[in-house]
Amino acid sequence: VQLRASGGGLVQPGGSLRLSCVTSGFNFDYYAIGWFRQAPGKEREGVACISSSADDNTYYTDSVKGRFSISKDNVRRTVYLQMNNLKPEDTADYLCNVDSYWGRGTQVTVSS
């Protein structure tokens, strides 16, 4: 199983970023896939999750509801996290997860 996250960067408050997680090595249609984040000195936090392709339900932590959107492309085996109206408290390393597998994170920094 491989999970490759990308799309992070430095953005001003109120800005947007789209993260991508390209996957391989498992049946993409059968598993829920999630985005997590970890800021320095803080515990890893679940940000958003999209269920298997059977229903494609989405779930968000309260602090990102209305600002972040998770989606996926079954052909490209890629999960996206669209992040709008970013805040300094969104600064963290963002990682994608499926089952017990974690990819290397992509750093998001929100600062003026």
C-alpha atoms as a PDB file:
ATOM      1  CA  VAL A   1       0.000   0.000   0.000  1.00  0.00           C
ATOM      2  CA  GLN A   2       1.292   3.438  -0.923  1.00  0.00           C
ATOM      3  CA  LEU A   3      -0.191   6.794  -0.098  1.00  0.00           C
ATOM      4  CA  ARG A   4       1.463   9.920  -1.508  1.00  0.00           C
ATOM      5  CA  ALA A   5       0.183  13.260  -0.251  1.00  0.00           C
ATOM      6  CA  SER A   6       0.985  16.526  -1.979  1.00  0.00           C
ATOM      7  CA  GLY A   7      -0.300  20.041  -2.425  1.00  0.00           C
ATOM      8  CA  GLY A   8       0.740  21.673   0.822  1.00  0.00           C
ATOM      9  CA  GLY A   9       2.442  25.028   1.056  1.00  0.00           C
ATOM     10  CA  LEU A  10       2.446  28.473   2.580  1.00  0.00           C
ATOM     11  CA  VAL A  11      -0.791  30.433   2.269  1.00  0.00           C
ATOM     12  CA  GLN A  12      -2.178  33.587   3.827  1.00  0.00           C
ATOM     13  CA  PRO A  13      -5.193  33.452   6.155  1.00  0.00           C
ATOM     14  CA  GLY A  14      -8.354  33.230   4.087  1.00  0.00           C
ATOM     15  CA  GLY A  15      -6.555  31.471   1.273  1.00  0.00           C
ATOM     16  CA  SER A  16      -7.122  28.048  -0.254  1.00  0.00           C
ATOM     17  CA  LEU A  17      -5.170  24.902  -0.982  1.00  0.00           C
ATOM     18  CA  ARG A  18      -6.080  21.547  -2.493  1.00  0.00           C
ATOM     19  CA  LEU A  19      -4.296  18.498  -1.165  1.00  0.00           C
ATOM     20  CA  SER A  20      -4.062  15.262  -3.145  1.00  0.00           C
ATOM     21  CA  CYS A  21      -3.433  11.721  -1.939  1.00  0.00           C
ATOM     22  CA  VAL A  22      -2.500   9.309  -4.727  1.00  0.00           C
ATOM     23  CA  THR A  23      -2.940   5.700  -3.679  1.00  0.00           C
ATOM     24  CA  SER A  24      -1.935   2.219  -4.831  1.00  0.00           C
ATOM     25  CA  GLY A  25      -1.800  -1.352  -3.566  1.00  0.00           C
ATOM     26  CA  PHE A  26      -5.337  -1.906  -2.306  1.00  0.00           C
ATOM     27  CA  ASN A  27      -8.893  -2.059  -3.600  1.00  0.00           C
ATOM     28  CA  PHE A  28      -9.716   1.642  -3.763  1.00  0.00           C
ATOM     29  CA  ASP A  29     -13.460   1.041  -3.953  1.00  0.00           C
ATOM     30  CA  TYR A  30     -13.680  -0.918  -0.716  1.00  0.00           C
ATOM     31  CA  TYR A  31     -12.010   1.285   1.874  1.00  0.00           C
ATOM     32  CA  ALA A  32     -12.742   4.532   3.621  1.00  0.00           C
ATOM     33  CA  ILE A  33      -9.897   7.022   3.260  1.00  0.00           C
ATOM     34  CA  GLY A  34      -9.174   9.842   5.649  1.00  0.00           C
ATOM     35  CA  TRP A  35      -7.132  12.983   6.044  1.00  0.00           C
ATOM     36  CA  PHE A  36      -5.455  13.643   9.369  1.00  0.00           C
ATOM     37  CA  ARG A  37      -3.230  16.456  10.563  1.00  0.00           C
ATOM     38  CA  GLN A  38      -0.617  16.902  13.219  1.00  0.00           C
ATOM     39  CA  ALA A  39       0.719  20.197  14.465  1.00  0.00           C
ATOM     40  CA  PRO A  40       3.946  20.457  16.479  1.00  0.00           C
ATOM     41  CA  GLY A  41       3.344  19.490  20.084  1.00  0.00           C
ATOM     42  CA  LYS A  42      -0.220  18.327  19.407  1.00  0.00           C
ATOM     43  CA  GLU A  43      -1.871  14.969  18.923  1.00  0.00           C
ATOM     44  CA  ARG A  44      -2.794  13.708  15.484  1.00  0.00           C
ATOM     45  CA  GLU A  45      -6.323  14.799  14.613  1.00  0.00           C
ATOM     46  CA  GLY A  46      -8.816  13.401  12.136  1.00  0.00           C
ATOM     47  CA  VAL A  47      -9.867  16.107   9.673  1.00  0.00           C
ATOM     48  CA  ALA A  48     -12.094  14.465   7.067  1.00  0.00           C
ATOM     49  CA  CYS A  49     -13.027  11.039   5.823  1.00  0.00           C
ATOM     50  CA  ILE A  50     -14.789   9.642   2.790  1.00  0.00           C
ATOM     51  CA  SER A  51     -16.378   6.217   2.958  1.00  0.00           C
ATOM     52  CA  SER A  52     -16.077   3.405   0.452  1.00  0.00           C
ATOM     53  CA  SER A  53     -17.428   3.841  -3.055  1.00  0.00           C
ATOM     54  CA  ALA A  54     -20.595   1.994  -2.073  1.00  0.00           C
ATOM     55  CA  ASP A  55     -21.997   5.205  -0.586  1.00  0.00           C
ATOM     56  CA  ASP A  56     -19.278   7.906  -0.597  1.00  0.00           C
ATOM     57  CA  ASN A  57     -20.410   9.450   2.674  1.00  0.00           C
ATOM     58  CA  THR A  58     -18.223  12.224   4.032  1.00  0.00           C
ATOM     59  CA  TYR A  59     -17.343  13.217   7.575  1.00  0.00           C
ATOM     60  CA  TYR A  60     -15.588  16.288   8.960  1.00  0.00           C
ATOM     61  CA  THR A  61     -14.261  17.409  12.271  1.00  0.00           C
ATOM     62  CA  ASP A  62     -16.241  20.366  13.583  1.00  0.00           C
ATOM     63  CA  SER A  63     -13.454  22.903  13.180  1.00  0.00           C
ATOM     64  CA  VAL A  64     -13.320  22.466   9.378  1.00  0.00           C
ATOM     65  CA  LYS A  65     -17.019  22.016   8.546  1.00  0.00           C
ATOM     66  CA  GLY A  66     -18.098  24.466   5.871  1.00  0.00           C
ATOM     67  CA  ARG A  67     -14.479  25.204   4.896  1.00  0.00           C
ATOM     68  CA  PHE A  68     -12.979  21.864   3.839  1.00  0.00           C
ATOM     69  CA  SER A  69     -14.335  19.374   1.322  1.00  0.00           C
ATOM     70  CA  ILE A  70     -13.136  15.811   0.721  1.00  0.00           C
ATOM     71  CA  SER A  71     -13.689  14.052  -2.590  1.00  0.00           C
ATOM     72  CA  LYS A  72     -12.198  11.253  -4.626  1.00  0.00           C
ATOM     73  CA  ASP A  73     -11.511  10.196  -8.197  1.00  0.00           C
ATOM     74  CA  ASN A  74     -11.890   6.441  -8.546  1.00  0.00           C
ATOM     75  CA  VAL A  75     -10.137   6.344 -11.927  1.00  0.00           C
ATOM     76  CA  ARG A  76      -7.066   8.210 -10.636  1.00  0.00           C
ATOM     77  CA  ARG A  77      -7.263   6.463  -7.234  1.00  0.00           C
ATOM     78  CA  THR A  78      -6.833   9.867  -5.654  1.00  0.00           C
ATOM     79  CA  VAL A  79      -8.483  11.525  -2.679  1.00  0.00           C
ATOM     80  CA  TYR A  80      -8.601  15.304  -2.509  1.00  0.00           C
ATOM     81  CA  LEU A  81      -8.982  17.746   0.346  1.00  0.00           C
ATOM     82  CA  GLN A  82     -10.110  21.187  -0.777  1.00  0.00           C
ATOM     83  CA  MET A  83      -9.345  23.655   1.980  1.00  0.00           C
ATOM     84  CA  ASN A  84     -10.895  27.132   1.820  1.00  0.00           C
ATOM     85  CA  ASN A  85     -10.829  30.092   4.196  1.00  0.00           C
ATOM     86  CA  LEU A  86      -7.718  28.729   5.851  1.00  0.00           C
ATOM     87  CA  LYS A  87      -6.835  29.872   9.348  1.00  0.00           C
ATOM     88  CA  PRO A  88      -3.527  29.914  11.206  1.00  0.00           C
ATOM     89  CA  GLU A  89      -4.800  27.084  13.402  1.00  0.00           C
ATOM     90  CA  ASP A  90      -4.997  24.882  10.304  1.00  0.00           C
ATOM     91  CA  THR A  91      -1.201  24.883  10.171  1.00  0.00           C
ATOM     92  CA  ALA A  92      -0.050  21.263  10.412  1.00  0.00           C
ATOM     93  CA  ASP A  93       1.400  18.304   8.604  1.00  0.00           C
ATOM     94  CA  TYR A  94      -1.456  16.689   6.686  1.00  0.00           C
ATOM     95  CA  LEU A  95      -1.441  12.925   6.125  1.00  0.00           C
ATOM     96  CA  CYS A  96      -3.763  10.497   4.399  1.00  0.00           C
ATOM     97  CA  ASN A  97      -4.746   7.153   5.847  1.00  0.00           C
ATOM     98  CA  VAL A  98      -6.382   3.929   4.775  1.00  0.00           C
ATOM     99  CA  ASP A  99      -6.867   1.060   7.196  1.00  0.00           C
ATOM    100  CA  SER A 100      -3.581   0.822   9.120  1.00  0.00           C
ATOM    101  CA  TYR A 101      -1.493   2.537   6.447  1.00  0.00           C
ATOM    102  CA  TRP A 102      -0.181   6.103   6.540  1.00  0.00           C
ATOM    103  CA  GLY A 103       1.453   8.178   3.875  1.00  0.00           C
ATOM    104  CA  ARG A 104       4.143  10.798   4.357  1.00  0.00           C
ATOM    105  CA  GLY A 105       2.560  14.127   5.126  1.00  0.00           C
ATOM    106  CA  THR A 106       2.446  17.406   3.273  1.00  0.00           C
ATOM    107  CA  GLN A 107       3.029  20.581   5.261  1.00  0.00           C
ATOM    108  CA  VAL A 108       0.392  23.305   5.321  1.00  0.00           C
ATOM    109  CA  THR A 109       1.379  26.641   6.818  1.00  0.00           C
ATOM    110  CA  VAL A 110      -1.156  29.447   7.167  1.00  0.00           C
ATOM    111  CA  SER A 111       0.510  32.710   7.990  1.00  0.00           C
ATOM    112  CA  SER A 112       0.568  36.341   6.948  1.00  0.00           C
END
